[in-house]
């Protein structure tokens, strides 16, 4: 009984989900606020990409292209700082694995001497 009453709501929800129209529904009157936020976000993204492209073109034109790295945000450069640590950790893991293999094989292949 209750499921039959909810069927039309379920159909509407499935239609919205497949059409991706959740931003157009306005049950509580917040649709205009959501549209304003989406427009503001789109403007900010466009402004950022325009500024980034203009800076990129300026630095491509200049002869000092190494200064471009100094102008990048920190999170763009930080990922490369740990490269040496990752290489040394990988090398250490490889050495530990070789030591484990050596210990395992030496225990397995050790032939005890017979004492009579």
N, C-alpha and C. Protein backbone atom coordinates (compact mmCIF):
# COMPACT_ATOMS: atom_id res chain seq x y z
N UNK A 1 0.81 -1.18 0.00
CA UNK A 1 0.00 0.00 0.00
C UNK A 1 0.87 1.26 0.00
N UNK A 2 1.82 1.29 0.92
CA UNK A 2 2.69 2.46 1.01
C UNK A 2 3.62 2.54 -0.19
N UNK A 3 4.06 1.38 -0.67
CA UNK A 3 4.96 1.37 -1.82
C UNK A 3 4.28 1.91 -3.06
N UNK A 4 3.00 1.63 -3.22
CA UNK A 4 2.26 2.15 -4.37
C UNK A 4 2.15 3.67 -4.30
N UNK A 5 2.03 4.21 -3.11
CA UNK A 5 1.96 5.66 -2.95
C UNK A 5 3.29 6.35 -3.23
N UNK A 6 4.38 5.64 -2.96
CA UNK A 6 5.71 6.21 -3.18
C UNK A 6 6.22 6.00 -4.59
N UNK A 7 5.48 5.26 -5.41
CA UNK A 7 5.94 4.92 -6.75
C UNK A 7 6.14 6.15 -7.61
N UNK A 8 5.25 7.12 -7.54
CA UNK A 8 5.39 8.32 -8.36
C UNK A 8 6.61 9.15 -7.93
N UNK A 9 6.90 9.17 -6.62
CA UNK A 9 8.09 9.89 -6.15
C UNK A 9 9.36 9.19 -6.59
N UNK A 10 9.33 7.85 -6.58
CA UNK A 10 10.49 7.09 -7.03
C UNK A 10 10.73 7.29 -8.51
N UNK A 11 9.66 7.32 -9.30
CA UNK A 11 9.80 7.56 -10.73
C UNK A 11 10.37 8.95 -11.00
N UNK A 12 9.93 9.94 -10.25
CA UNK A 12 10.46 11.30 -10.42
C UNK A 12 11.93 11.36 -10.04
N UNK A 13 12.31 10.65 -8.97
CA UNK A 13 13.71 10.64 -8.55
C UNK A 13 14.58 9.95 -9.59
N UNK A 14 14.11 8.85 -10.15
CA UNK A 14 14.88 8.16 -11.20
C UNK A 14 15.02 9.02 -12.45
N UNK A 15 13.97 9.74 -12.79
CA UNK A 15 14.02 10.63 -13.95
C UNK A 15 15.04 11.74 -13.73
N UNK A 16 15.03 12.32 -12.53
CA UNK A 16 16.02 13.38 -12.22
C UNK A 16 17.43 12.83 -12.23
N UNK A 17 17.60 11.62 -11.71
CA UNK A 17 18.94 11.04 -11.65
C UNK A 17 19.49 10.74 -13.04
N UNK A 18 18.65 10.21 -13.92
CA UNK A 18 19.13 9.88 -15.27
C UNK A 18 19.33 11.13 -16.11
N UNK A 19 18.52 12.15 -15.88
CA UNK A 19 18.65 13.38 -16.66
C UNK A 19 19.62 14.36 -16.01
N UNK A 20 20.09 14.05 -14.79
CA UNK A 20 20.99 14.93 -14.03
C UNK A 20 20.40 16.33 -13.91
N UNK A 21 19.17 16.40 -13.42
CA UNK A 21 18.47 17.68 -13.30
C UNK A 21 18.18 18.03 -11.86
N UNK A 22 19.03 17.60 -10.94
CA UNK A 22 18.80 17.94 -9.54
C UNK A 22 18.97 19.44 -9.29
N UNK A 23 19.81 20.09 -10.07
CA UNK A 23 20.02 21.52 -9.86
C UNK A 23 18.83 22.35 -10.34
N UNK A 24 17.94 21.78 -11.13
CA UNK A 24 16.79 22.55 -11.62
C UNK A 24 15.58 22.43 -10.70
N UNK A 25 15.54 21.40 -9.86
CA UNK A 25 14.41 21.28 -8.93
C UNK A 25 14.60 22.28 -7.80
N UNK A 26 13.51 22.81 -7.32
CA UNK A 26 13.57 23.85 -6.29
C UNK A 26 12.49 23.62 -5.25
N UNK A 27 12.56 22.53 -4.47
CA UNK A 27 11.48 22.26 -3.52
C UNK A 27 11.47 23.22 -2.34
N UNK A 28 12.63 23.73 -1.92
CA UNK A 28 12.67 24.60 -0.75
C UNK A 28 12.93 26.06 -1.09
N UNK A 29 12.98 26.37 -2.36
CA UNK A 29 13.21 27.75 -2.76
C UNK A 29 14.67 28.17 -2.76
N UNK A 30 15.59 27.21 -2.82
CA UNK A 30 17.01 27.52 -2.83
C UNK A 30 17.64 27.37 -4.22
N UNK A 31 16.85 27.20 -5.23
CA UNK A 31 17.36 27.00 -6.58
C UNK A 31 18.13 28.20 -7.11
N UNK A 32 17.64 29.40 -6.80
CA UNK A 32 18.32 30.60 -7.30
C UNK A 32 19.68 30.76 -6.62
N UNK A 33 19.76 30.40 -5.36
CA UNK A 33 21.04 30.49 -4.64
C UNK A 33 22.03 29.50 -5.24
N UNK A 34 21.55 28.30 -5.55
CA UNK A 34 22.40 27.28 -6.14
C UNK A 34 22.88 27.70 -7.52
N UNK A 35 22.00 28.26 -8.31
CA UNK A 35 22.39 28.74 -9.65
C UNK A 35 23.40 29.87 -9.54
N UNK A 36 23.21 30.77 -8.58
CA UNK A 36 24.18 31.86 -8.39
C UNK A 36 25.55 31.32 -8.01
N UNK A 37 25.58 30.32 -7.12
CA UNK A 37 26.86 29.72 -6.73
C UNK A 37 27.53 29.01 -7.90
N UNK A 38 26.74 28.33 -8.72
CA UNK A 38 27.32 27.66 -9.89
C UNK A 38 27.87 28.67 -10.89
N UNK A 39 27.14 29.76 -11.10
CA UNK A 39 27.63 30.79 -12.02
C UNK A 39 28.89 31.45 -11.47
N UNK A 40 28.92 31.70 -10.17
CA UNK A 40 30.10 32.31 -9.55
C UNK A 40 31.30 31.37 -9.67
N UNK A 41 31.08 30.09 -9.44
CA UNK A 41 32.16 29.12 -9.57
C UNK A 41 32.67 29.05 -11.01
N UNK A 42 31.76 29.06 -11.97
CA UNK A 42 32.16 29.01 -13.38
C UNK A 42 32.97 30.25 -13.75
N UNK A 43 32.55 31.42 -13.24
CA UNK A 43 33.30 32.65 -13.51
C UNK A 43 34.70 32.58 -12.91
N UNK A 44 34.80 32.09 -11.67
CA UNK A 44 36.10 32.00 -11.03
C UNK A 44 37.02 31.02 -11.76
N UNK A 45 36.46 29.91 -12.21
CA UNK A 45 37.27 28.95 -12.96
C UNK A 45 37.76 29.55 -14.28
N UNK A 46 36.89 30.28 -14.93
CA UNK A 46 37.28 30.90 -16.20
C UNK A 46 38.33 31.99 -15.97
N UNK A 47 38.15 32.79 -14.91
CA UNK A 47 39.15 33.81 -14.60
C UNK A 47 40.50 33.19 -14.26
N UNK A 48 40.50 32.11 -13.49
CA UNK A 48 41.75 31.45 -13.14
C UNK A 48 42.44 30.89 -14.37
N UNK A 49 41.68 30.22 -15.23
CA UNK A 49 42.31 29.64 -16.42
C UNK A 49 42.84 30.73 -17.35
N UNK A 50 42.11 31.86 -17.45
CA UNK A 50 42.60 32.96 -18.28
C UNK A 50 43.89 33.56 -17.70
N UNK A 51 43.92 33.76 -16.39
CA UNK A 51 45.14 34.28 -15.76
C UNK A 51 46.29 33.31 -15.90
N UNK A 52 46.03 32.03 -15.72
CA UNK A 52 47.08 31.03 -15.83
C UNK A 52 47.64 30.98 -17.24
N UNK A 53 46.76 31.01 -18.23
CA UNK A 53 47.23 30.98 -19.62
C UNK A 53 48.01 32.24 -19.97
N UNK A 54 47.57 33.39 -19.47
CA UNK A 54 48.31 34.62 -19.77
C UNK A 54 49.69 34.59 -19.12
N UNK A 55 49.78 34.11 -17.87
CA UNK A 55 51.09 33.98 -17.23
C UNK A 55 51.97 32.97 -17.95
N UNK A 56 51.37 31.90 -18.41
CA UNK A 56 52.13 30.88 -19.13
C UNK A 56 52.69 31.45 -20.42
N UNK A 57 51.88 32.20 -21.14
CA UNK A 57 52.35 32.81 -22.39
C UNK A 57 53.42 33.87 -22.13
N UNK A 58 53.28 34.63 -21.05
CA UNK A 58 54.29 35.64 -20.72
C UNK A 58 55.63 34.98 -20.44
N UNK A 59 55.61 33.90 -19.69
CA UNK A 59 56.87 33.24 -19.33
C UNK A 59 57.44 32.45 -20.50
N UNK A 60 56.60 32.02 -21.42
CA UNK A 60 57.12 31.36 -22.61
C UNK A 60 57.82 32.37 -23.50
N UNK A 61 57.32 33.59 -23.49
CA UNK A 61 57.93 34.63 -24.32
C UNK A 61 59.25 35.12 -23.73
N UNK A 62 59.35 35.10 -22.41
CA UNK A 62 60.58 35.60 -21.79
C UNK A 62 61.68 34.55 -21.89
N UNK A 63 62.90 35.01 -21.72
CA UNK A 63 64.04 34.10 -21.80
C UNK A 63 64.29 33.40 -20.48
N UNK A 64 63.71 33.89 -19.40
CA UNK A 64 63.93 33.33 -18.07
C UNK A 64 62.78 32.39 -17.73
N UNK A 65 62.76 31.23 -18.36
CA UNK A 65 61.66 30.30 -18.12
C UNK A 65 61.82 29.55 -16.80
N UNK A 66 63.01 29.60 -16.18
CA UNK A 66 63.20 28.92 -14.90
C UNK A 66 62.49 29.65 -13.75
N UNK A 67 62.22 30.92 -13.90
CA UNK A 67 61.52 31.65 -12.85
C UNK A 67 60.05 31.28 -12.78
N UNK A 68 59.56 30.58 -13.79
CA UNK A 68 58.17 30.17 -13.79
C UNK A 68 57.89 29.20 -12.64
N UNK A 69 58.85 28.36 -12.29
CA UNK A 69 58.67 27.43 -11.19
C UNK A 69 58.54 28.15 -9.86
N UNK A 70 59.22 29.27 -9.71
CA UNK A 70 59.12 30.02 -8.46
C UNK A 70 57.74 30.66 -8.30
N UNK A 71 57.05 30.91 -9.39
CA UNK A 71 55.74 31.54 -9.33
C UNK A 71 54.60 30.54 -9.12
N UNK A 72 54.88 29.24 -9.28
CA UNK A 72 53.83 28.24 -9.12
C UNK A 72 53.44 28.11 -7.65
N UNK A 73 52.22 27.72 -7.38
CA UNK A 73 51.82 27.47 -5.99
C UNK A 73 52.61 26.29 -5.41
N UNK A 74 52.69 26.26 -4.11
CA UNK A 74 53.53 25.27 -3.44
C UNK A 74 53.06 23.84 -3.70
N UNK A 75 51.75 23.63 -3.76
CA UNK A 75 51.26 22.26 -3.93
C UNK A 75 51.58 21.69 -5.30
N UNK A 76 51.98 22.53 -6.25
CA UNK A 76 52.38 22.02 -7.56
C UNK A 76 53.81 21.49 -7.54
N UNK A 77 54.61 21.94 -6.60
CA UNK A 77 56.02 21.58 -6.57
C UNK A 77 56.33 20.57 -5.48
N UNK A 78 55.54 20.52 -4.43
CA UNK A 78 55.83 19.70 -3.26
C UNK A 78 55.93 18.22 -3.62
N UNK A 79 55.16 17.76 -4.57
CA UNK A 79 55.13 16.34 -4.89
C UNK A 79 56.48 15.82 -5.35
N UNK A 80 57.33 16.65 -5.91
CA UNK A 80 58.63 16.21 -6.41
C UNK A 80 59.69 16.18 -5.33
N UNK A 81 59.43 16.75 -4.18
CA UNK A 81 60.45 16.82 -3.14
C UNK A 81 60.73 15.47 -2.50
N UNK A 82 59.80 14.57 -2.50
CA UNK A 82 59.96 13.29 -1.84
C UNK A 82 60.46 12.19 -2.77
N UNK A 83 60.92 12.56 -3.93
CA UNK A 83 61.37 11.55 -4.89
C UNK A 83 62.58 10.79 -4.37
N UNK A 84 63.56 11.47 -3.80
CA UNK A 84 64.76 10.82 -3.28
C UNK A 84 64.41 9.86 -2.14
N UNK A 85 63.47 10.27 -1.28
CA UNK A 85 63.05 9.41 -0.18
C UNK A 85 62.36 8.15 -0.71
N UNK A 86 61.52 8.29 -1.73
CA UNK A 86 60.83 7.14 -2.29
C UNK A 86 61.81 6.17 -2.93
N UNK A 87 62.84 6.68 -3.60
CA UNK A 87 63.84 5.82 -4.22
C UNK A 87 64.62 5.07 -3.14
N UNK A 88 65.00 5.75 -2.08
CA UNK A 88 65.76 5.08 -1.01
C UNK A 88 64.89 4.06 -0.28
N UNK A 89 63.60 4.36 -0.08
CA UNK A 89 62.70 3.39 0.54
C UNK A 89 62.51 2.15 -0.34
N UNK A 90 62.43 2.35 -1.62
CA UNK A 90 62.32 1.22 -2.54
C UNK A 90 63.57 0.36 -2.54
N UNK A 91 64.72 1.02 -2.52
CA UNK A 91 65.99 0.29 -2.48
C UNK A 91 66.11 -0.48 -1.16
N UNK A 92 65.71 0.12 -0.05
CA UNK A 92 65.75 -0.55 1.25
C UNK A 92 64.80 -1.75 1.27
N UNK A 93 63.62 -1.59 0.70
CA UNK A 93 62.67 -2.71 0.65
C UNK A 93 63.23 -3.85 -0.19
N UNK A 94 63.91 -3.51 -1.27
CA UNK A 94 64.51 -4.54 -2.11
C UNK A 94 65.60 -5.29 -1.35
N UNK A 95 66.44 -4.57 -0.61
CA UNK A 95 67.50 -5.22 0.17
C UNK A 95 66.91 -6.11 1.26
N UNK A 96 65.87 -5.64 1.94
CA UNK A 96 65.23 -6.46 2.96
C UNK A 96 64.61 -7.72 2.37
N UNK A 97 64.05 -7.60 1.20
CA UNK A 97 63.47 -8.78 0.56
C UNK A 97 64.55 -9.77 0.16
N UNK A 98 65.67 -9.28 -0.34
CA UNK A 98 66.78 -10.18 -0.67
C UNK A 98 67.33 -10.87 0.57
N UNK A 99 67.41 -10.13 1.69
CA UNK A 99 67.88 -10.74 2.93
C UNK A 99 66.90 -11.80 3.42
N UNK A 100 65.61 -11.56 3.29
CA UNK A 100 64.61 -12.54 3.69
C UNK A 100 64.69 -13.78 2.82
N UNK A 101 64.90 -13.60 1.53
CA UNK A 101 65.04 -14.74 0.62
C UNK A 101 66.27 -15.55 0.99
N UNK A 102 67.38 -14.88 1.27
CA UNK A 102 68.60 -15.58 1.65
C UNK A 102 68.40 -16.38 2.93
N UNK A 103 67.77 -15.77 3.95
CA UNK A 103 67.53 -16.48 5.21
C UNK A 103 66.62 -17.68 4.99
N UNK A 104 65.58 -17.51 4.21
CA UNK A 104 64.64 -18.61 3.96
C UNK A 104 65.33 -19.76 3.24
N UNK A 105 66.08 -19.43 2.20
CA UNK A 105 66.76 -20.49 1.45
C UNK A 105 67.84 -21.16 2.28
N UNK A 106 68.55 -20.40 3.10
CA UNK A 106 69.60 -21.02 3.91
C UNK A 106 69.01 -21.95 4.96
N UNK A 107 67.84 -21.63 5.51
CA UNK A 107 67.19 -22.53 6.46
C UNK A 107 66.63 -23.76 5.76
N UNK A 108 66.08 -23.57 4.56
CA UNK A 108 65.49 -24.70 3.85
C UNK A 108 66.54 -25.66 3.31
N UNK A 109 67.64 -25.14 2.83
CA UNK A 109 68.66 -25.96 2.18
C UNK A 109 69.78 -26.39 3.11
N UNK A 110 69.72 -26.00 4.33
CA UNK A 110 70.76 -26.40 5.28
C UNK A 110 70.65 -27.88 5.56
N UNK A 111 71.70 -28.60 5.24
CA UNK A 111 71.74 -30.04 5.47
C UNK A 111 72.51 -30.29 6.74
N UNK A 112 71.85 -30.80 7.76
CA UNK A 112 72.57 -31.03 9.02
C UNK A 112 73.55 -32.20 8.89
N UNK A 113 74.63 -32.12 9.61
CA UNK A 113 75.63 -33.18 9.59
C UNK A 113 75.18 -34.32 10.49
N UNK A 114 75.48 -35.52 10.05
CA UNK A 114 75.14 -36.68 10.86
C UNK A 114 76.28 -36.92 11.83
N UNK A 115 75.93 -37.04 13.08
CA UNK A 115 76.94 -37.37 14.08
C UNK A 115 76.57 -38.72 14.68
N UNK A 116 77.53 -39.56 14.69
CA UNK A 116 77.29 -40.90 15.24
C UNK A 116 78.06 -41.13 16.46
